[in-house]
Amino acid sequence: MKYEIGKRIKYFREKEKISQKDLANKLNISNARLSNWEKGINRPDADFIADICTSLKITADELLGIDVNSKQINVSKNELKHLNNYRKLSDSNKKDVDDFMDFRLHKEQQDYNKKQYLKVARGKGEELVSDEDIDKMIENSTEVKGDDDLV
């Protein structure tokens, strides 16, 4: 069985214009061992993955041939920026962000529920209250009387 990771090591090593000998030295392994990885005879232990990635200036996904886009994850540039910034936060600040997101999502769900309740409360499709009026009521925190589960 040939291991595919070796092809990627060789590809990224050559892309960075690093000789096999230089990369082997950086990883504190023999040139023959690196050669065997690149030929697919064997593969590096998991302990080497971070060092290989650092030496070749690549991510573990690139080294392992993981294509995030093939998993149909659609992330906007703005969402990716937020995710990267989130990862830079301390654990305490991450908790604050998590709590804020939970609060906003809960509030949005409450607003949606109020809007649905008011639409149902209108009766048989009659326009007793317009969508704009409902939005204004929600913005002004107008209480809706009725089932607590719906509000």
C-alpha atoms as a PDB file:
ATOM      1  CA  MET A   1       0.000   0.000   0.000  1.00  0.00           C
ATOM      2  CA  LYS A   2       1.325   3.430  -0.967  1.00  0.00           C
ATOM      3  CA  TYR A   3       0.660   6.333   1.332  1.00  0.00           C
ATOM      4  CA  GLU A   4      -0.536   9.541  -0.328  1.00  0.00           C
ATOM      5  CA  ILE A   5       0.836  11.936   2.292  1.00  0.00           C
ATOM      6  CA  GLY A   6       4.343  11.464   0.896  1.00  0.00           C
ATOM      7  CA  LYS A   7       3.332  12.948  -2.459  1.00  0.00           C
ATOM      8  CA  ARG A   8       2.055  16.027  -0.711  1.00  0.00           C
ATOM      9  CA  ILE A   9       5.206  16.356   1.422  1.00  0.00           C
ATOM     10  CA  LYS A  10       7.313  16.217  -1.730  1.00  0.00           C
ATOM     11  CA  TYR A  11       5.045  18.644  -3.583  1.00  0.00           C
ATOM     12  CA  PHE A  12       5.108  21.279  -0.827  1.00  0.00           C
ATOM     13  CA  ARG A  13       8.828  20.733  -0.161  1.00  0.00           C
ATOM     14  CA  GLU A  14       9.619  21.392  -3.806  1.00  0.00           C
ATOM     15  CA  LYS A  15       7.208  24.332  -3.887  1.00  0.00           C
ATOM     16  CA  GLU A  16       9.157  25.911  -1.008  1.00  0.00           C
ATOM     17  CA  LYS A  17      12.419  25.052  -2.802  1.00  0.00           C
ATOM     18  CA  ILE A  18      13.678  23.041   0.154  1.00  0.00           C
ATOM     19  CA  SER A  19      15.979  20.110  -0.516  1.00  0.00           C
ATOM     20  CA  GLN A  20      15.126  16.711   0.877  1.00  0.00           C
ATOM     21  CA  LYS A  21      18.267  16.854   2.994  1.00  0.00           C
ATOM     22  CA  ASP A  22      17.394  20.293   4.441  1.00  0.00           C
ATOM     23  CA  LEU A  23      13.864  19.218   5.351  1.00  0.00           C
ATOM     24  CA  ALA A  24      15.171  16.021   6.937  1.00  0.00           C
ATOM     25  CA  ASN A  25      17.577  18.112   9.022  1.00  0.00           C
ATOM     26  CA  LYS A  26      14.769  20.464  10.113  1.00  0.00           C
ATOM     27  CA  LEU A  27      12.717  17.454  11.203  1.00  0.00           C
ATOM     28  CA  ASN A  28      15.696  15.736  12.885  1.00  0.00           C
ATOM     29  CA  ILE A  29      15.246  12.593  10.810  1.00  0.00           C
ATOM     30  CA  SER A  30      17.405  10.803   8.277  1.00  0.00           C
ATOM     31  CA  ASN A  31      17.247  11.681   4.616  1.00  0.00           C
ATOM     32  CA  ALA A  32      16.353   8.025   3.911  1.00  0.00           C
ATOM     33  CA  ARG A  33      13.334   8.227   6.241  1.00  0.00           C
ATOM     34  CA  LEU A  34      12.038  11.352   4.482  1.00  0.00           C
ATOM     35  CA  SER A  35      12.674   9.677   1.127  1.00  0.00           C
ATOM     36  CA  ASN A  36      10.585   6.680   2.219  1.00  0.00           C
ATOM     37  CA  TRP A  37       7.737   9.030   3.210  1.00  0.00           C
ATOM     38  CA  GLU A  38       7.871  10.781  -0.143  1.00  0.00           C
ATOM     39  CA  LYS A  39       7.921   7.472  -2.035  1.00  0.00           C
ATOM     40  CA  GLY A  40       4.907   6.267  -0.073  1.00  0.00           C
ATOM     41  CA  ILE A  41       6.773   3.326   1.439  1.00  0.00           C
ATOM     42  CA  ASN A  42       5.779   4.472   4.890  1.00  0.00           C
ATOM     43  CA  ARG A  43       4.321   7.616   6.447  1.00  0.00           C
ATOM     44  CA  PRO A  44       5.222  10.026   9.223  1.00  0.00           C
ATOM     45  CA  ASP A  45       3.922   9.472  12.729  1.00  0.00           C
ATOM     46  CA  ALA A  46       1.264  11.921  13.871  1.00  0.00           C
ATOM     47  CA  ASP A  47       3.884  13.552  16.108  1.00  0.00           C
ATOM     48  CA  PHE A  48       5.644  14.879  12.995  1.00  0.00           C
ATOM     49  CA  ILE A  49       2.609  16.521  11.373  1.00  0.00           C
ATOM     50  CA  ALA A  50       2.960  19.891  13.135  1.00  0.00           C
ATOM     51  CA  ASP A  51       6.706  20.089  12.448  1.00  0.00           C
ATOM     52  CA  ILE A  52       6.234  19.183   8.791  1.00  0.00           C
ATOM     53  CA  CYS A  53       3.521  21.814   8.411  1.00  0.00           C
ATOM     54  CA  THR A  54       5.629  24.471  10.108  1.00  0.00           C
ATOM     55  CA  SER A  55       8.678  23.627   7.998  1.00  0.00           C
ATOM     56  CA  LEU A  56       6.690  23.680   4.748  1.00  0.00           C
ATOM     57  CA  LYS A  57       4.521  26.684   5.752  1.00  0.00           C
ATOM     58  CA  ILE A  58       1.272  24.806   5.176  1.00  0.00           C
ATOM     59  CA  THR A  59      -1.777  23.800   7.184  1.00  0.00           C
ATOM     60  CA  ALA A  60      -2.465  20.286   8.391  1.00  0.00           C
ATOM     61  CA  ASP A  61      -5.473  20.223   6.043  1.00  0.00           C
ATOM     62  CA  GLU A  62      -3.170  20.877   3.095  1.00  0.00           C
ATOM     63  CA  LEU A  63      -0.691  18.239   4.222  1.00  0.00           C
ATOM     64  CA  LEU A  64      -3.391  15.643   4.802  1.00  0.00           C
ATOM     65  CA  GLY A  65      -5.249  16.504   1.594  1.00  0.00           C
ATOM     66  CA  ILE A  66      -8.409  17.651   3.336  1.00  0.00           C
ATOM     67  CA  ASP A  67     -10.456  19.975   1.160  1.00  0.00           C
ATOM     68  CA  VAL A  68     -12.839  21.897   3.400  1.00  0.00           C
ATOM     69  CA  ASN A  69     -14.795  23.121   0.369  1.00  0.00           C
ATOM     70  CA  SER A  70     -15.579  19.560  -0.656  1.00  0.00           C
ATOM     71  CA  LYS A  71     -17.609  19.212   2.541  1.00  0.00           C
ATOM     72  CA  GLN A  72     -19.999  21.898   1.272  1.00  0.00           C
ATOM     73  CA  ILE A  73     -19.198  24.347   4.030  1.00  0.00           C
ATOM     74  CA  ASN A  74     -20.050  27.780   2.694  1.00  0.00           C
ATOM     75  CA  VAL A  75     -18.466  30.506   4.773  1.00  0.00           C
ATOM     76  CA  SER A  76     -18.378  34.143   3.748  1.00  0.00           C
ATOM     77  CA  LYS A  77     -15.180  36.151   4.086  1.00  0.00           C
ATOM     78  CA  ASN A  78     -16.784  38.076   6.934  1.00  0.00           C
ATOM     79  CA  GLU A  79     -17.736  34.862   8.770  1.00  0.00           C
ATOM     80  CA  LEU A  80     -14.209  33.537   8.294  1.00  0.00           C
ATOM     81  CA  LYS A  81     -12.807  36.810   9.672  1.00  0.00           C
ATOM     82  CA  HIS A  82     -15.065  36.469  12.741  1.00  0.00           C
ATOM     83  CA  LEU A  83     -14.026  32.851  13.227  1.00  0.00           C
ATOM     84  CA  ASN A  84     -10.326  33.720  13.010  1.00  0.00           C
ATOM     85  CA  ASN A  85     -10.788  36.608  15.460  1.00  0.00           C
ATOM     86  CA  TYR A  86     -12.795  34.369  17.800  1.00  0.00           C
ATOM     87  CA  ARG A  87      -9.947  31.857  17.867  1.00  0.00           C
ATOM     88  CA  LYS A  88      -7.568  34.614  19.001  1.00  0.00           C
ATOM     89  CA  LEU A  89      -9.690  35.454  22.055  1.00  0.00           C
ATOM     90  CA  SER A  90      -8.964  34.282  25.583  1.00  0.00           C
ATOM     91  CA  ASP A  91     -11.280  31.608  26.985  1.00  0.00           C
ATOM     92  CA  SER A  92     -12.986  34.240  29.130  1.00  0.00           C
ATOM     93  CA  ASN A  93     -13.677  36.471  26.131  1.00  0.00           C
ATOM     94  CA  LYS A  94     -14.847  33.484  24.080  1.00  0.00           C
ATOM     95  CA  LYS A  95     -17.393  32.768  26.812  1.00  0.00           C
ATOM     96  CA  ASP A  96     -18.581  36.387  26.636  1.00  0.00           C
ATOM     97  CA  VAL A  97     -19.028  36.082  22.862  1.00  0.00           C
ATOM     98  CA  ASP A  98     -20.827  32.751  23.260  1.00  0.00           C
ATOM     99  CA  ASP A  99     -23.150  34.223  25.889  1.00  0.00           C
ATOM    100  CA  PHE A 100     -23.878  37.255  23.696  1.00  0.00           C
ATOM    101  CA  MET A 101     -24.641  35.032  20.691  1.00  0.00           C
ATOM    102  CA  ASP A 102     -26.953  32.865  22.806  1.00  0.00           C
ATOM    103  CA  PHE A 103     -28.716  35.992  24.069  1.00  0.00           C
ATOM    104  CA  ARG A 104     -29.169  37.455  20.561  1.00  0.00           C
ATOM    105  CA  LEU A 105     -30.401  34.139  19.146  1.00  0.00           C
ATOM    106  CA  HIS A 106     -32.859  33.768  22.022  1.00  0.00           C
ATOM    107  CA  LYS A 107     -34.088  37.352  21.505  1.00  0.00           C
ATOM    108  CA  GLU A 108     -34.466  36.780  17.772  1.00  0.00           C
ATOM    109  CA  GLN A 109     -36.473  33.606  18.432  1.00  0.00           C
ATOM    110  CA  GLN A 110     -38.677  35.479  20.907  1.00  0.00           C
ATOM    111  CA  ASP A 111     -39.274  38.250  18.353  1.00  0.00           C
ATOM    112  CA  TYR A 112     -40.150  35.671  15.715  1.00  0.00           C
ATOM    113  CA  ASN A 113     -42.551  33.942  18.114  1.00  0.00           C
ATOM    114  CA  LYS A 114     -44.218  37.265  18.990  1.00  0.00           C
ATOM    115  CA  LYS A 115     -44.635  38.059  15.316  1.00  0.00           C
ATOM    116  CA  GLN A 116     -46.173  34.643  14.621  1.00  0.00           C
ATOM    117  CA  TYR A 117     -48.488  35.000  17.636  1.00  0.00           C
ATOM    118  CA  LEU A 118     -49.700  38.409  16.472  1.00  0.00           C
ATOM    119  CA  LYS A 119     -50.296  37.081  12.970  1.00  0.00           C
ATOM    120  CA  VAL A 120     -52.406  34.248  14.373  1.00  0.00           C
ATOM    121  CA  ALA A 121     -54.155  36.683  16.718  1.00  0.00           C
ATOM    122  CA  ARG A 122     -55.320  38.685  13.694  1.00  0.00           C
ATOM    123  CA  GLY A 123     -57.870  36.036  13.003  1.00  0.00           C
ATOM    124  CA  LYS A 124     -59.048  34.715   9.711  1.00  0.00           C
ATOM    125  CA  GLY A 125     -56.374  36.380   7.627  1.00  0.00           C
ATOM    126  CA  GLU A 126     -57.734  39.846   8.280  1.00  0.00           C
ATOM    127  CA  GLU A 127     -55.132  42.599   8.326  1.00  0.00           C
ATOM    128  CA  LEU A 128     -55.874  43.856  11.834  1.00  0.00           C
ATOM    129  CA  VAL A 129     -52.176  44.531  12.448  1.00  0.00           C
ATOM    130  CA  SER A 130     -49.649  45.071   9.634  1.00  0.00           C
ATOM    131  CA  ASP A 131     -46.223  43.448   9.570  1.00  0.00           C
ATOM    132  CA  GLU A 132     -44.713  46.921   9.999  1.00  0.00           C
ATOM    133  CA  ASP A 133     -46.819  47.493  13.132  1.00  0.00           C
ATOM    134  CA  ILE A 134     -45.738  44.117  14.472  1.00  0.00           C
ATOM    135  CA  ASP A 135     -42.090  45.025  13.903  1.00  0.00           C
ATOM    136  CA  LYS A 136     -42.616  48.361  15.684  1.00  0.00           C
ATOM    137  CA  MET A 137     -44.282  46.595  18.625  1.00  0.00           C
ATOM    138  CA  ILE A 138     -41.376  44.203  18.902  1.00  0.00           C
ATOM    139  CA  GLU A 139     -38.814  47.020  18.660  1.00  0.00           C
ATOM    140  CA  ASN A 140     -40.676  48.932  21.386  1.00  0.00           C
ATOM    141  CA  SER A 141     -40.880  45.760  23.506  1.00  0.00           C
ATOM    142  CA  THR A 142     -44.666  45.817  23.486  1.00  0.00           C
ATOM    143  CA  GLU A 143     -45.802  42.878  25.540  1.00  0.00           C
ATOM    144  CA  VAL A 144     -48.001  40.357  23.832  1.00  0.00           C
ATOM    145  CA  LYS A 145     -50.529  38.778  26.110  1.00  0.00           C
ATOM    146  CA  GLY A 146     -51.135  35.130  25.583  1.00  0.00           C
ATOM    147  CA  ASP A 147     -49.438  31.783  25.972  1.00  0.00           C
ATOM    148  CA  ASP A 148     -46.038  32.195  27.631  1.00  0.00           C
ATOM    149  CA  ASP A 149     -44.720  29.392  25.424  1.00  0.00           C
ATOM    150  CA  LEU A 150     -45.432  31.461  22.320  1.00  0.00           C
ATOM    151  CA  VAL A 151     -43.884  34.668  23.579  1.00  0.00           C
END
